[in-house]
Amino acid sequence: HSAGTSSQYGEWRPTLPFTGSYAVYIWKMNNYASATT
């Protein structure tokens, strides 16, 4: 998404199998100067 607003978002909402602690990871794509810092 090109520079939007806080009312525009992507959301990942899975079904988790267990209650407890989870390590969370975000997939970072290839680097491009057009991407945000």
PDB file of all heavy atoms in Angstrom:
ATOM      1  N   HIS A   1       0.860  -1.176   0.000  1.00  0.00           N
ATOM      2  CA  HIS A   1       0.000   0.000   0.000  1.00  0.00           C
ATOM      3  C   HIS A   1       0.896   1.225   0.000  1.00  0.00           C
ATOM      4  O   HIS A   1       1.838   1.314   0.777  1.00  0.00           O
ATOM      5  CB  HIS A   1      -0.895   0.009   1.236  1.00  0.00           C
ATOM      6  CG  HIS A   1      -2.035   0.960   1.129  1.00  0.00           C
ATOM      7  ND1 HIS A   1      -1.868   2.320   1.130  1.00  0.00           N
ATOM      8  CD2 HIS A   1      -3.358   0.749   1.013  1.00  0.00           C
ATOM      9  CE1 HIS A   1      -3.039   2.907   1.018  1.00  0.00           C
ATOM     10  NE2 HIS A   1      -3.968   1.970   0.945  1.00  0.00           N
ATOM     11  N   SER A   2       0.616   2.155  -0.875  1.00  0.00           N
ATOM     12  CA  SER A   2       1.371   3.410  -0.899  1.00  0.00           C
ATOM     13  C   SER A   2       0.821   4.328   0.180  1.00  0.00           C
ATOM     14  O   SER A   2      -0.376   4.576   0.210  1.00  0.00           O
ATOM     15  CB  SER A   2       1.248   4.093  -2.266  1.00  0.00           C
ATOM     16  OG  SER A   2       1.858   3.291  -3.243  1.00  0.00           O
ATOM     17  N   ALA A   3       1.691   4.775   1.052  1.00  0.00           N
ATOM     18  CA  ALA A   3       1.399   5.716   2.134  1.00  0.00           C
ATOM     19  C   ALA A   3      -0.073   6.045   2.316  1.00  0.00           C
ATOM     20  O   ALA A   3      -0.607   6.961   1.714  1.00  0.00           O
ATOM     21  CB  ALA A   3       2.196   6.989   1.927  1.00  0.00           C
ATOM     22  N   GLY A   4      -0.736   5.301   3.162  1.00  0.00           N
ATOM     23  CA  GLY A   4      -2.156   5.495   3.412  1.00  0.00           C
ATOM     24  C   GLY A   4      -2.427   6.140   4.750  1.00  0.00           C
ATOM     25  O   GLY A   4      -1.632   6.936   5.253  1.00  0.00           O
ATOM     26  N   THR A   5      -3.540   5.746   5.348  1.00  0.00           N
ATOM     27  CA  THR A   5      -3.958   6.284   6.644  1.00  0.00           C
ATOM     28  C   THR A   5      -4.081   5.149   7.643  1.00  0.00           C
ATOM     29  O   THR A   5      -3.998   3.973   7.283  1.00  0.00           O
ATOM     30  CB  THR A   5      -5.321   6.999   6.529  1.00  0.00           C
ATOM     31  OG1 THR A   5      -6.323   6.007   6.252  1.00  0.00           O
ATOM     32  CG2 THR A   5      -5.310   8.046   5.425  1.00  0.00           C
ATOM     33  N   SER A   6      -4.331   5.503   8.897  1.00  0.00           N
ATOM     34  CA  SER A   6      -4.468   4.473   9.928  1.00  0.00           C
ATOM     35  C   SER A   6      -5.759   3.673   9.776  1.00  0.00           C
ATOM     36  O   SER A   6      -5.917   2.638  10.409  1.00  0.00           O
ATOM     37  CB  SER A   6      -4.395   5.105  11.318  1.00  0.00           C
ATOM     38  OG  SER A   6      -5.460   6.019  11.482  1.00  0.00           O
ATOM     39  N   SER A   7      -6.676   4.132   8.925  1.00  0.00           N
ATOM     40  CA  SER A   7      -7.900   3.360   8.688  1.00  0.00           C
ATOM     41  C   SER A   7      -7.699   2.324   7.575  1.00  0.00           C
ATOM     42  O   SER A   7      -8.623   1.605   7.225  1.00  0.00           O
ATOM     43  CB  SER A   7      -9.062   4.294   8.347  1.00  0.00           C
ATOM     44  OG  SER A   7      -8.797   4.987   7.146  1.00  0.00           O
ATOM     45  N   GLN A   8      -6.485   2.229   7.027  1.00  0.00           N
ATOM     46  CA  GLN A   8      -6.152   1.243   6.003  1.00  0.00           C
ATOM     47  C   GLN A   8      -5.100   0.307   6.578  1.00  0.00           C
ATOM     48  O   GLN A   8      -4.028   0.753   6.986  1.00  0.00           O
ATOM     49  CB  GLN A   8      -5.620   1.954   4.750  1.00  0.00           C
ATOM     50  CG  GLN A   8      -6.651   2.882   4.120  1.00  0.00           C
ATOM     51  CD  GLN A   8      -6.021   3.832   3.133  1.00  0.00           C
ATOM     52  OE1 GLN A   8      -5.051   4.505   3.447  1.00  0.00           O
ATOM     53  NE2 GLN A   8      -6.591   3.898   1.946  1.00  0.00           N
ATOM     54  N   TYR A   9      -5.421  -0.972   6.622  1.00  0.00           N
ATOM     55  CA  TYR A   9      -4.476  -1.927   7.207  1.00  0.00           C
ATOM     56  C   TYR A   9      -4.681  -3.323   6.658  1.00  0.00           C
ATOM     57  O   TYR A   9      -5.729  -3.660   6.130  1.00  0.00           O
ATOM     58  CB  TYR A   9      -4.579  -1.937   8.736  1.00  0.00           C
ATOM     59  CG  TYR A   9      -5.966  -2.213   9.284  1.00  0.00           C
ATOM     60  CD1 TYR A   9      -6.426  -3.515   9.448  1.00  0.00           C
ATOM     61  CD2 TYR A   9      -6.807  -1.172   9.661  1.00  0.00           C
ATOM     62  CE1 TYR A   9      -7.683  -3.766   9.955  1.00  0.00           C
ATOM     63  CE2 TYR A   9      -8.065  -1.412  10.169  1.00  0.00           C
ATOM     64  CZ  TYR A   9      -8.496  -2.711  10.321  1.00  0.00           C
ATOM     65  OH  TYR A   9      -9.759  -2.965  10.818  1.00  0.00           O
ATOM     66  N   GLY A  10      -3.614  -4.115   6.793  1.00  0.00           N
ATOM     67  CA  GLY A  10      -3.673  -5.541   6.511  1.00  0.00           C
ATOM     68  C   GLY A  10      -3.663  -6.259   7.850  1.00  0.00           C
ATOM     69  O   GLY A  10      -3.032  -5.806   8.805  1.00  0.00           O
ATOM     70  N   GLU A  11      -4.376  -7.383   7.916  1.00  0.00           N
ATOM     71  CA  GLU A  11      -4.505  -8.078   9.201  1.00  0.00           C
ATOM     72  C   GLU A  11      -4.357  -9.581   9.009  1.00  0.00           C
ATOM     73  O   GLU A  11      -4.955 -10.160   8.111  1.00  0.00           O
ATOM     74  CB  GLU A  11      -5.874  -7.750   9.795  1.00  0.00           C
ATOM     75  CG  GLU A  11      -6.095  -8.292  11.181  1.00  0.00           C
ATOM     76  CD  GLU A  11      -7.409  -7.783  11.748  1.00  0.00           C
ATOM     77  OE1 GLU A  11      -7.420  -6.663  12.293  1.00  0.00           O
ATOM     78  OE2 GLU A  11      -8.418  -8.500  11.619  1.00  0.00           O
ATOM     79  N   TRP A  12      -3.552 -10.192   9.870  1.00  0.00           N
ATOM     80  CA  TRP A  12      -3.360 -11.644   9.904  1.00  0.00           C
ATOM     81  C   TRP A  12      -4.038 -12.149  11.167  1.00  0.00           C
ATOM     82  O   TRP A  12      -3.628 -11.802  12.278  1.00  0.00           O
ATOM     83  CB  TRP A  12      -1.881 -11.993   9.926  1.00  0.00           C
ATOM     84  CG  TRP A  12      -1.131 -11.539   8.714  1.00  0.00           C
ATOM     85  CD1 TRP A  12      -0.872 -12.277   7.578  1.00  0.00           C
ATOM     86  CD2 TRP A  12      -0.511 -10.263   8.493  1.00  0.00           C
ATOM     87  NE1 TRP A  12      -0.153 -11.536   6.690  1.00  0.00           N
ATOM     88  CE2 TRP A  12       0.083 -10.285   7.215  1.00  0.00           C
ATOM     89  CE3 TRP A  12      -0.416  -9.089   9.256  1.00  0.00           C
ATOM     90  CZ2 TRP A  12       0.771  -9.210   6.693  1.00  0.00           C
ATOM     91  CZ3 TRP A  12       0.264  -8.011   8.729  1.00  0.00           C
ATOM     92  CH2 TRP A  12       0.853  -8.075   7.465  1.00  0.00           C
ATOM     93  N   ARG A  13      -5.082 -12.984  11.012  1.00  0.00           N
ATOM     94  CA  ARG A  13      -5.868 -13.459  12.143  1.00  0.00           C
ATOM     95  C   ARG A  13      -6.052 -14.978  12.011  1.00  0.00           C
ATOM     96  O   ARG A  13      -7.041 -15.455  11.474  1.00  0.00           O
ATOM     97  CB  ARG A  13      -7.219 -12.757  12.172  1.00  0.00           C
ATOM     98  CG  ARG A  13      -8.036 -13.035  13.416  1.00  0.00           C
ATOM     99  CD  ARG A  13      -9.397 -12.373  13.330  1.00  0.00           C
ATOM    100  NE  ARG A  13      -9.343 -10.942  13.446  1.00  0.00           N
ATOM    101  CZ  ARG A  13      -9.549 -10.272  14.583  1.00  0.00           C
ATOM    102  NH1 ARG A  13      -9.814 -10.932  15.678  1.00  0.00           N
ATOM    103  NH2 ARG A  13      -9.500  -8.962  14.597  1.00  0.00           N
ATOM    104  N   PRO A  14      -5.083 -15.756  12.535  1.00  0.00           N
ATOM    105  CA  PRO A  14      -5.164 -17.213  12.404  1.00  0.00           C
ATOM    106  C   PRO A  14      -6.002 -17.838  13.524  1.00  0.00           C
ATOM    107  O   PRO A  14      -6.400 -17.165  14.466  1.00  0.00           O
ATOM    108  CB  PRO A  14      -3.712 -17.638  12.555  1.00  0.00           C
ATOM    109  CG  PRO A  14      -3.203 -16.676  13.584  1.00  0.00           C
ATOM    110  CD  PRO A  14      -3.870 -15.354  13.230  1.00  0.00           C
ATOM    111  N   THR A  15      -6.221 -19.124  13.398  1.00  0.00           N
ATOM    112  CA  THR A  15      -6.799 -19.915  14.484  1.00  0.00           C
ATOM    113  C   THR A  15      -5.634 -20.590  15.192  1.00  0.00           C
ATOM    114  O   THR A  15      -4.953 -21.429  14.602  1.00  0.00           O
ATOM    115  CB  THR A  15      -7.790 -20.954  13.943  1.00  0.00           C
ATOM    116  OG1 THR A  15      -8.821 -20.268  13.238  1.00  0.00           O
ATOM    117  CG2 THR A  15      -8.382 -21.778  15.073  1.00  0.00           C
ATOM    118  N   LEU A  16      -5.380 -20.184  16.431  1.00  0.00           N
ATOM    119  CA  LEU A  16      -4.249 -20.741  17.178  1.00  0.00           C
ATOM    120  C   LEU A  16      -4.690 -22.000  17.917  1.00  0.00           C
ATOM    121  O   LEU A  16      -5.764 -22.029  18.529  1.00  0.00           O
ATOM    122  CB  LEU A  16      -3.703 -19.693  18.150  1.00  0.00           C
ATOM    123  CG  LEU A  16      -3.138 -18.440  17.483  1.00  0.00           C
ATOM    124  CD1 LEU A  16      -2.741 -17.400  18.522  1.00  0.00           C
ATOM    125  CD2 LEU A  16      -1.952 -18.785  16.598  1.00  0.00           C
ATOM    126  N   PRO A  17      -3.867 -23.049  17.916  1.00  0.00           N
ATOM    127  CA  PRO A  17      -4.277 -24.332  18.484  1.00  0.00           C
ATOM    128  C   PRO A  17      -4.215 -24.412  20.007  1.00  0.00           C
ATOM    129  O   PRO A  17      -4.920 -25.221  20.602  1.00  0.00           O
ATOM    130  CB  PRO A  17      -3.302 -25.330  17.857  1.00  0.00           C
ATOM    131  CG  PRO A  17      -2.090 -24.520  17.549  1.00  0.00           C
ATOM    132  CD  PRO A  17      -2.595 -23.146  17.204  1.00  0.00           C
ATOM    133  N   PHE A  18      -3.370 -23.596  20.638  1.00  0.00           N
ATOM    134  CA  PHE A  18      -3.175 -23.719  22.075  1.00  0.00           C
ATOM    135  C   PHE A  18      -3.224 -22.354  22.751  1.00  0.00           C
ATOM    136  O   PHE A  18      -2.855 -21.348  22.150  1.00  0.00           O
ATOM    137  CB  PHE A  18      -1.795 -24.337  22.396  1.00  0.00           C
ATOM    138  CG  PHE A  18      -1.512 -25.604  21.647  1.00  0.00           C
ATOM    139  CD1 PHE A  18      -0.575 -25.619  20.623  1.00  0.00           C
ATOM    140  CD2 PHE A  18      -2.157 -26.783  21.962  1.00  0.00           C
ATOM    141  CE1 PHE A  18      -0.293 -26.784  19.924  1.00  0.00           C
ATOM    142  CE2 PHE A  18      -1.887 -27.953  21.271  1.00  0.00           C
ATOM    143  CZ  PHE A  18      -0.949 -27.952  20.249  1.00  0.00           C
ATOM    144  N   THR A  19      -3.616 -22.328  24.011  1.00  0.00           N
ATOM    145  CA  THR A  19      -3.474 -21.127  24.835  1.00  0.00           C
ATOM    146  C   THR A  19      -2.072 -21.159  25.422  1.00  0.00           C
ATOM    147  O   THR A  19      -1.624 -22.191  25.915  1.00  0.00           O
ATOM    148  CB  THR A  19      -4.514 -21.110  25.969  1.00  0.00           C
ATOM    149  OG1 THR A  19      -5.813 -20.975  25.371  1.00  0.00           O
ATOM    150  CG2 THR A  19      -4.282 -19.971  26.933  1.00  0.00           C
ATOM    151  N   GLY A  20      -1.375 -20.017  25.352  1.00  0.00           N
ATOM    152  CA  GLY A  20      -0.024 -19.963  25.910  1.00  0.00           C
ATOM    153  C   GLY A  20       0.818 -18.922  25.223  1.00  0.00           C
ATOM    154  O   GLY A  20       0.311 -18.016  24.549  1.00  0.00           O
ATOM    155  N   SER A  21       2.127 -19.068  25.362  1.00  0.00           N
ATOM    156  CA  SER A  21       3.081 -18.121  24.781  1.00  0.00           C
ATOM    157  C   SER A  21       3.466 -18.544  23.366  1.00  0.00           C
ATOM    158  O   SER A  21       3.712 -19.725  23.111  1.00  0.00           O
ATOM    159  CB  SER A  21       4.350 -18.053  25.635  1.00  0.00           C
ATOM    160  OG  SER A  21       4.040 -17.516  26.897  1.00  0.00           O
ATOM    161  N   TYR A  22       3.517 -17.555  22.494  1.00  0.00           N
ATOM    162  CA  TYR A  22       3.924 -17.770  21.115  1.00  0.00           C
ATOM    163  C   TYR A  22       5.005 -16.757  20.752  1.00  0.00           C
ATOM    164  O   TYR A  22       4.877 -15.571  21.078  1.00  0.00           O
ATOM    165  CB  TYR A  22       2.766 -17.565  20.141  1.00  0.00           C
ATOM    166  CG  TYR A  22       1.739 -18.668  20.129  1.00  0.00           C
ATOM    167  CD1 TYR A  22       0.745 -18.731  21.084  1.00  0.00           C
ATOM    168  CD2 TYR A  22       1.756 -19.648  19.135  1.00  0.00           C
ATOM    169  CE1 TYR A  22      -0.213 -19.730  21.061  1.00  0.00           C
ATOM    170  CE2 TYR A  22       0.804 -20.655  19.107  1.00  0.00           C
ATOM    171  CZ  TYR A  22      -0.179 -20.691  20.078  1.00  0.00           C
ATOM    172  OH  TYR A  22      -1.127 -21.684  20.043  1.00  0.00           O
ATOM    173  N   ALA A  23       6.050 -17.218  20.073  1.00  0.00           N
ATOM    174  CA  ALA A  23       7.013 -16.310  19.459  1.00  0.00           C
ATOM    175  C   ALA A  23       6.376 -15.861  18.144  1.00  0.00           C
ATOM    176  O   ALA A  23       5.842 -16.680  17.397  1.00  0.00           O
ATOM    177  CB  ALA A  23       8.331 -17.018  19.199  1.00  0.00           C
ATOM    178  N   VAL A  24       6.408 -14.554  17.873  1.00  0.00           N
ATOM    179  CA  VAL A  24       5.770 -14.006  16.677  1.00  0.00           C
ATOM    180  C   VAL A  24       6.851 -13.490  15.729  1.00  0.00           C
ATOM    181  O   VAL A  24       7.796 -12.820  16.158  1.00  0.00           O
ATOM    182  CB  VAL A  24       4.790 -12.871  17.046  1.00  0.00           C
ATOM    183  CG1 VAL A  24       4.150 -12.277  15.804  1.00  0.00           C
ATOM    184  CG2 VAL A  24       3.725 -13.380  18.013  1.00  0.00           C
ATOM    185  N   TYR A  25       6.689 -13.805  14.450  1.00  0.00           N
ATOM    186  CA  TYR A  25       7.637 -13.403  13.412  1.00  0.00           C
ATOM    187  C   TYR A  25       6.876 -12.746  12.262  1.00  0.00           C
ATOM    188  O   TYR A  25       5.801 -13.197  11.890  1.00  0.00           O
ATOM    189  CB  TYR A  25       8.387 -14.619  12.857  1.00  0.00           C
ATOM    190  CG  TYR A  25       9.194 -15.357  13.883  1.00  0.00           C
ATOM    191  CD1 TYR A  25       8.613 -16.327  14.695  1.00  0.00           C
ATOM    192  CD2 TYR A  25      10.548 -15.085  14.055  1.00  0.00           C
ATOM    193  CE1 TYR A  25       9.352 -17.000  15.654  1.00  0.00           C
ATOM    194  CE2 TYR A  25      11.300 -15.767  15.002  1.00  0.00           C
ATOM    195  CZ  TYR A  25      10.682 -16.718  15.798  1.00  0.00           C
ATOM    196  OH  TYR A  25      11.422 -17.390  16.742  1.00  0.00           O
ATOM    197  N   ILE A  26       7.468 -11.713  11.693  1.00  0.00           N
ATOM    198  CA  ILE A  26       6.928 -11.038  10.519  1.00  0.00           C
ATOM    199  C   ILE A  26       7.837 -11.374   9.340  1.00  0.00           C
ATOM    200  O   ILE A  26       9.063 -11.314   9.465  1.00  0.00           O
ATOM    201  CB  ILE A  26       6.920  -9.497  10.712  1.00  0.00           C
ATOM    202  CG1 ILE A  26       6.206  -9.096  11.994  1.00  0.00           C
ATOM    203  CG2 ILE A  26       6.353  -8.798   9.481  1.00  0.00           C
ATOM    204  CD1 ILE A  26       4.739  -9.350  12.028  1.00  0.00           C
ATOM    205  N   TRP A  27       7.248 -11.731   8.184  1.00  0.00           N
ATOM    206  CA  TRP A  27       8.056 -11.988   6.996  1.00  0.00           C
ATOM    207  C   TRP A  27       8.392 -10.659   6.330  1.00  0.00           C
ATOM    208  O   TRP A  27       7.513  -9.896   5.962  1.00  0.00           O
ATOM    209  CB  TRP A  27       7.332 -12.888   5.996  1.00  0.00           C
ATOM    210  CG  TRP A  27       8.172 -13.149   4.789  1.00  0.00           C
ATOM    211  CD1 TRP A  27       8.126 -12.480   3.603  1.00  0.00           C
ATOM    212  CD2 TRP A  27       9.211 -14.120   4.661  1.00  0.00           C
ATOM    213  NE1 TRP A  27       9.071 -12.991   2.737  1.00  0.00           N
ATOM    214  CE2 TRP A  27       9.750 -13.993   3.365  1.00  0.00           C
ATOM    215  CE3 TRP A  27       9.735 -15.087   5.513  1.00  0.00           C
ATOM    216  CZ2 TRP A  27      10.780 -14.799   2.899  1.00  0.00           C
ATOM    217  CZ3 TRP A  27      10.755 -15.885   5.045  1.00  0.00           C
ATOM    218  CH2 TRP A  27      11.265 -15.748   3.756  1.00  0.00           C
ATOM    219  N   LYS A  28       9.683 -10.383   6.211  1.00  0.00           N
ATOM    220  CA  LYS A  28      10.168  -9.167   5.553  1.00  0.00           C
ATOM    221  C   LYS A  28      10.584  -9.533   4.144  1.00  0.00           C
ATOM    222  O   LYS A  28      11.397 -10.420   3.931  1.00  0.00           O
ATOM    223  CB  LYS A  28      11.349  -8.572   6.326  1.00  0.00           C
ATOM    224  CG  LYS A  28      11.843  -7.276   5.718  1.00  0.00           C
ATOM    225  CD  LYS A  28      13.113  -6.848   6.440  1.00  0.00           C
ATOM    226  CE  LYS A  28      13.858  -5.832   5.655  1.00  0.00           C
ATOM    227  NZ  LYS A  28      14.222  -6.236   4.316  1.00  0.00           N
ATOM    228  N   MET A  29      10.011  -8.833   3.174  1.00  0.00           N
ATOM    229  CA  MET A  29      10.319  -9.096   1.775  1.00  0.00           C
ATOM    230  C   MET A  29      11.637  -8.449   1.380  1.00  0.00           C
ATOM    231  O   MET A  29      12.292  -7.787   2.185  1.00  0.00           O
ATOM    232  CB  MET A  29       9.182  -8.579   0.891  1.00  0.00           C
ATOM    233  CG  MET A  29       7.923  -9.402   1.044  1.00  0.00           C
ATOM    234  SD  MET A  29       6.638  -8.923  -0.117  1.00  0.00           S
ATOM    235  CE  MET A  29       5.892  -7.581   0.785  1.00  0.00           C
ATOM    236  N   ASN A  30      12.015  -8.607   0.113  1.00  0.00           N
ATOM    237  CA  ASN A  30      13.245  -8.013  -0.409  1.00  0.00           C
ATOM    238  C   ASN A  30      13.262  -6.502  -0.199  1.00  0.00           C
ATOM    239  O   ASN A  30      12.223  -5.854  -0.140  1.00  0.00           O
ATOM    240  CB  ASN A  30      13.380  -8.327  -1.901  1.00  0.00           C
ATOM    241  CG  ASN A  30      13.555  -9.801  -2.150  1.00  0.00           C
ATOM    242  OD1 ASN A  30      14.140 -10.508  -1.342  1.00  0.00           O
ATOM    243  ND2 ASN A  30      13.031 -10.287  -3.250  1.00  0.00           N
ATOM    244  N   ASN A  31      14.459  -5.948  -0.102  1.00  0.00           N
ATOM    245  CA  ASN A  31      14.637  -4.515   0.159  1.00  0.00           C
ATOM    246  C   ASN A  31      14.441  -3.685  -1.103  1.00  0.00           C
ATOM    247  O   ASN A  31      14.970  -4.013  -2.154  1.00  0.00           O
ATOM    248  CB  ASN A  31      16.051  -4.261   0.693  1.00  0.00           C
ATOM    249  CG  ASN A  31      16.346  -5.095   1.913  1.00  0.00           C
ATOM    250  OD1 ASN A  31      15.490  -5.284   2.755  1.00  0.00           O
ATOM    251  ND2 ASN A  31      17.548  -5.598   2.010  1.00  0.00           N
ATOM    252  N   TYR A  32      13.695  -2.601  -0.970  1.00  0.00           N
ATOM    253  CA  TYR A  32      13.511  -1.644  -2.053  1.00  0.00           C
ATOM    254  C   TYR A  32      13.457  -0.250  -1.452  1.00  0.00           C
ATOM    255  O   TYR A  32      12.895  -0.042  -0.371  1.00  0.00           O
ATOM    256  CB  TYR A  32      12.217  -1.914  -2.834  1.00  0.00           C
ATOM    257  CG  TYR A  32      12.315  -3.157  -3.681  1.00  0.00           C
ATOM    258  CD1 TYR A  32      11.891  -4.385  -3.185  1.00  0.00           C
ATOM    259  CD2 TYR A  32      12.853  -3.111  -4.960  1.00  0.00           C
ATOM    260  CE1 TYR A  32      11.996  -5.533  -3.948  1.00  0.00           C
ATOM    261  CE2 TYR A  32      12.960  -4.269  -5.727  1.00  0.00           C
ATOM    262  CZ  TYR A  32      12.534  -5.461  -5.215  1.00  0.00           C
ATOM    263  OH  TYR A  32      12.637  -6.603  -5.965  1.00  0.00           O
ATOM    264  N   ALA A  33      14.019   0.732  -2.150  1.00  0.00           N
ATOM    265  CA  ALA A  33      14.025   2.113  -1.660  1.00  0.00           C
ATOM    266  C   ALA A  33      12.617   2.684  -1.544  1.00  0.00           C
ATOM    267  O   ALA A  33      12.391   3.623  -0.784  1.00  0.00           O
ATOM    268  CB  ALA A  33      14.864   2.988  -2.593  1.00  0.00           C
ATOM    269  N   SER A  34      11.648   2.102  -2.258  1.00  0.00           N
ATOM    270  CA  SER A  34      10.269   2.599  -2.189  1.00  0.00           C
ATOM    271  C   SER A  34       9.535   2.135  -0.934  1.00  0.00           C
ATOM    272  O   SER A  34       8.437   2.593  -0.645  1.00  0.00           O
ATOM    273  CB  SER A  34       9.493   2.152  -3.431  1.00  0.00           C
ATOM    274  OG  SER A  34       9.494   0.735  -3.519  1.00  0.00           O
ATOM    275  N   ALA A  35      10.143   1.214  -0.169  1.00  0.00           N
ATOM    276  CA  ALA A  35       9.504   0.688   1.039  1.00  0.00           C
ATOM    277  C   ALA A  35       9.737   1.619   2.225  1.00  0.00           C
ATOM    278  O   ALA A  35      10.697   2.378   2.267  1.00  0.00           O
ATOM    279  CB  ALA A  35      10.050  -0.702   1.356  1.00  0.00           C
ATOM    280  N   THR A  36       8.867   1.507   3.202  1.00  0.00           N
ATOM    281  CA  THR A  36       8.951   2.346   4.394  1.00  0.00           C
ATOM    282  C   THR A  36      10.085   1.911   5.321  1.00  0.00           C
ATOM    283  O   THR A  36      10.505   0.757   5.315  1.00  0.00           O
ATOM    284  CB  THR A  36       7.623   2.332   5.176  1.00  0.00           C
ATOM    285  OG1 THR A  36       7.730   3.218   6.290  1.00  0.00           O
ATOM    286  CG2 THR A  36       7.291   0.936   5.685  1.00  0.00           C
ATOM    287  N   THR A  37      10.547   2.838   6.113  1.00  0.00           N
ATOM    288  CA  THR A  37      11.515   2.522   7.167  1.00  0.00           C
ATOM    289  C   THR A  37      10.786   2.328   8.496  1.00  0.00           C
ATOM    290  O   THR A  37      11.429   2.089   9.512  1.00  0.00           O
ATOM    291  CB  THR A  37      12.554   3.647   7.314  1.00  0.00           C
ATOM    292  OG1 THR A  37      11.866   4.862   7.622  1.00  0.00           O
ATOM    293  CG2 THR A  37      13.373   3.805   6.045  1.00  0.00           C
TER     294      THR A  37
END
